[in-house]
Amino acid sequence: MERRLVRRAEALWDQLRGDSDLPVAAAATLFASPPFADHSLELTFPPDPDGKHPPLPHLGRIGEALTGLGLLGPGPVAPDARPDAPLRERLAALSEQALRLRTPAFLETDTTRQGPSNPEAARGILLRAVALPFRPPRGQPARGPTAIVVASCRQLLSEVETQALHGELAAAIDWLKGLA
């Protein structure tokens, strides 16, 4: 499921692109509907007139399936590609990379969900994401480019849950041995 969703998003982006290098920003709205809506977020980058001091991108719509990753609500976000950076900043950096290279950029990682300092809330996740770049709308100098990130994730078992599963598996194997 995880890989298929990301690949389907990339295929749709490629179809929308057609013969141009990037699809138009208006096409990004297709990712706000199923099957991508719950697994996507939108980052809008303000125009950078001098190319020296790019303003912070704005995180807009966040899909329902991604809200549990601690991405918080909409607002400005500082891109940060470091592996230990919060997921919100890493996805912004991935989007920045996609826009700079004018091609989809991918992230596959296992990380910890950003949440309260409660140890039970710090659950591991496997995450696959693609950032898809879109060119800014023509004739609207106040708007910069847009990137859509489509991500799918799977929550990993906690240490306690893993030990319990190992215990159940060992008991089942012992029971099967008794049948032989």
Protein backbone atom coordinates (compact mmCIF):
# COMPACT_ATOMS: atom_id res chain seq x y z
CA MET A 1 0.00 0.00 0.00
CA GLU A 2 2.65 2.54 1.04
CA ARG A 3 4.79 2.27 -2.07
CA ARG A 4 1.79 2.07 -4.42
CA LEU A 5 0.23 5.31 -3.16
CA VAL A 6 3.48 7.24 -3.60
CA ARG A 7 4.04 5.75 -7.06
CA ARG A 8 0.45 6.55 -8.10
CA ALA A 9 0.98 10.16 -7.02
CA GLU A 10 4.17 10.36 -9.08
CA ALA A 11 2.40 8.86 -12.11
CA LEU A 12 -0.45 11.40 -11.83
CA TRP A 13 2.08 14.25 -11.54
CA ASP A 14 3.87 12.98 -14.66
CA GLN A 15 0.56 12.80 -16.53
CA LEU A 16 -0.36 16.36 -15.45
CA ARG A 17 3.05 17.59 -16.56
CA GLY A 18 2.56 16.41 -20.13
CA ASP A 19 5.21 17.96 -22.36
CA SER A 20 6.16 20.75 -19.93
CA ASP A 21 8.80 20.55 -17.25
CA LEU A 22 6.30 21.16 -14.39
CA PRO A 23 2.52 20.97 -14.09
CA VAL A 24 0.62 24.18 -13.36
CA ALA A 25 -0.20 25.00 -9.74
CA ALA A 26 -3.94 24.68 -10.37
CA ALA A 27 -3.43 20.95 -11.03
CA ALA A 28 -2.23 20.50 -7.43
CA THR A 29 -5.89 20.59 -6.32
CA LEU A 30 -6.29 17.03 -7.68
CA PHE A 31 -4.24 15.83 -4.72
CA ALA A 32 -6.87 17.24 -2.33
CA SER A 33 -9.28 14.49 -3.37
CA PRO A 34 -9.24 10.70 -2.93
CA PRO A 35 -7.11 8.63 -2.90
CA PHE A 36 -4.48 11.26 -2.04
CA ALA A 37 -6.38 13.75 0.16
CA ASP A 38 -5.81 11.98 3.48
CA HIS A 39 -2.14 11.31 2.70
CA SER A 40 -1.02 14.64 1.28
CA LEU A 41 -0.03 18.09 2.37
CA GLU A 42 0.54 21.31 0.46
CA LEU A 43 3.48 23.68 0.79
CA THR A 44 3.38 27.06 -0.94
CA PHE A 45 6.66 28.84 -1.45
CA PRO A 46 6.57 32.63 -1.65
CA PRO A 47 8.38 34.21 -4.61
CA ASP A 48 12.07 34.90 -4.03
CA PRO A 49 12.75 38.10 -5.98
CA ASP A 50 16.47 38.43 -5.23
CA GLY A 51 17.27 34.71 -4.92
CA LYS A 52 19.36 35.36 -1.79
CA HIS A 53 16.89 35.32 1.09
CA PRO A 54 14.06 32.95 0.27
CA PRO A 55 11.05 33.47 2.53
CA LEU A 56 9.74 30.52 4.52
CA PRO A 57 7.27 28.22 2.78
CA HIS A 58 3.75 27.97 4.16
CA LEU A 59 2.34 24.60 5.13
CA GLY A 60 -1.29 24.61 4.06
CA ARG A 61 -3.66 21.68 3.92
CA ILE A 62 -2.62 18.57 5.87
CA GLY A 63 -4.37 15.27 5.16
CA GLU A 64 -6.15 13.44 7.97
CA ALA A 65 -3.79 10.42 7.90
CA LEU A 66 -0.78 12.72 8.37
CA THR A 67 -2.09 14.73 11.32
CA GLY A 68 -1.08 11.95 13.72
CA LEU A 69 2.56 12.45 12.77
CA GLY A 70 2.84 15.63 14.81
CA LEU A 71 2.87 17.95 11.80
CA LEU A 72 0.74 20.47 13.71
CA GLY A 73 -1.41 22.96 11.84
CA PRO A 74 -0.85 25.21 8.87
CA GLY A 75 1.74 27.96 9.01
CA PRO A 76 5.29 28.87 8.06
CA VAL A 77 7.93 26.17 8.29
CA ALA A 78 11.73 26.34 8.04
CA PRO A 79 13.08 23.57 5.78
CA ASP A 80 15.65 21.33 7.48
CA ALA A 81 16.96 18.16 5.80
CA ARG A 82 18.90 16.81 8.79
CA PRO A 83 17.83 13.25 9.70
CA ASP A 84 17.13 14.31 13.30
CA ALA A 85 15.06 17.36 12.30
CA PRO A 86 11.31 17.29 13.02
CA LEU A 87 9.30 15.63 10.25
CA ARG A 88 7.52 18.88 9.36
CA GLU A 89 10.85 20.57 8.56
CA ARG A 90 12.18 17.50 6.72
CA LEU A 91 9.13 17.41 4.44
CA ALA A 92 9.56 21.14 3.73
CA ALA A 93 13.21 20.49 2.79
CA LEU A 94 12.11 17.62 0.55
CA SER A 95 9.66 19.99 -1.17
CA GLU A 96 12.36 22.62 -1.55
CA GLN A 97 14.60 20.02 -3.20
CA ALA A 98 11.84 18.94 -5.61
CA LEU A 99 11.23 22.55 -6.65
CA ARG A 100 14.93 23.28 -7.05
CA LEU A 101 15.54 20.15 -9.18
CA ARG A 102 12.15 20.46 -10.93
CA THR A 103 11.46 16.76 -10.42
CA PRO A 104 9.86 14.55 -7.75
CA ALA A 105 11.98 13.99 -4.63
CA PHE A 106 11.61 10.94 -2.38
CA LEU A 107 12.03 10.21 1.31
CA GLU A 108 11.95 6.74 2.85
CA THR A 109 12.70 6.65 6.54
CA ASP A 110 11.93 5.01 9.82
CA THR A 111 11.53 7.64 12.44
CA THR A 112 9.70 8.48 15.63
CA ARG A 113 6.36 10.23 15.54
CA GLN A 114 6.69 13.75 16.85
CA GLY A 115 4.56 14.06 19.93
CA PRO A 116 4.51 14.83 23.64
CA SER A 117 7.40 13.68 25.80
CA ASN A 118 5.28 10.73 26.94
CA PRO A 119 7.29 7.54 26.08
CA GLU A 120 4.12 5.77 24.92
CA ALA A 121 3.50 8.59 22.40
CA ALA A 122 6.98 8.25 20.89
CA ARG A 123 6.07 5.39 18.56
CA GLY A 124 8.18 4.39 15.59
CA ILE A 125 6.88 4.83 12.06
CA LEU A 126 7.94 3.78 8.60
CA LEU A 127 7.39 6.63 6.16
CA ARG A 128 7.48 6.87 2.37
CA ALA A 129 6.94 10.26 0.80
CA VAL A 130 7.25 12.00 -2.54
CA ALA A 131 7.36 15.77 -3.01
CA LEU A 132 5.87 16.88 -6.31
CA PRO A 133 6.74 20.35 -7.67
CA PHE A 134 4.25 22.63 -9.43
CA ARG A 135 5.04 25.89 -11.19
CA PRO A 136 3.53 29.14 -9.92
CA PRO A 137 0.38 30.47 -11.57
CA ARG A 138 1.08 32.74 -14.51
CA GLY A 139 0.19 36.38 -14.02
CA GLN A 140 0.21 36.13 -10.22
CA PRO A 141 3.59 37.53 -9.11
CA ALA A 142 2.60 37.37 -5.43
CA ARG A 143 2.44 33.56 -5.56
CA GLY A 144 5.47 31.32 -5.75
CA PRO A 145 5.68 27.65 -6.63
CA THR A 146 3.75 24.91 -4.84
CA ALA A 147 4.78 21.43 -3.77
CA ILE A 148 2.50 18.59 -2.82
CA VAL A 149 3.86 15.89 -0.54
CA VAL A 150 2.12 12.52 -0.67
CA ALA A 151 3.16 10.28 2.20
CA SER A 152 2.12 6.99 3.62
CA CYS A 153 3.22 5.59 6.91
CA ARG A 154 2.87 2.57 9.07
CA GLN A 155 3.13 2.63 12.84
CA LEU A 156 5.62 0.17 14.30
CA LEU A 157 4.98 -1.93 17.36
CA SER A 158 6.30 -0.64 20.66
CA GLU A 159 8.95 -2.64 22.51
CA VAL A 160 6.31 -4.05 24.88
CA GLU A 161 4.03 -5.03 21.98
CA THR A 162 6.96 -6.68 20.15
CA GLN A 163 7.87 -8.73 23.24
CA ALA A 164 4.23 -9.80 23.67
CA LEU A 165 4.06 -10.86 20.01
CA HIS A 166 7.29 -12.85 20.37
CA GLY A 167 5.82 -14.58 23.44
CA GLU A 168 2.63 -15.48 21.57
CA LEU A 169 4.65 -16.80 18.62
CA ALA A 170 6.85 -18.92 20.91
CA ALA A 171 3.75 -20.34 22.63
CA ALA A 172 2.18 -21.18 19.26
CA ILE A 173 5.36 -22.94 18.10
CA ASP A 174 5.51 -24.94 21.34
CA TRP A 175 1.85 -25.92 20.90
CA LEU A 176 2.53 -27.05 17.30
CA LYS A 177 5.51 -29.12 18.47
CA GLY A 178 3.21 -30.84 20.97
CA LEU A 179 0.92 -31.93 18.13
CA ALA A 180 3.73 -33.74 16.30
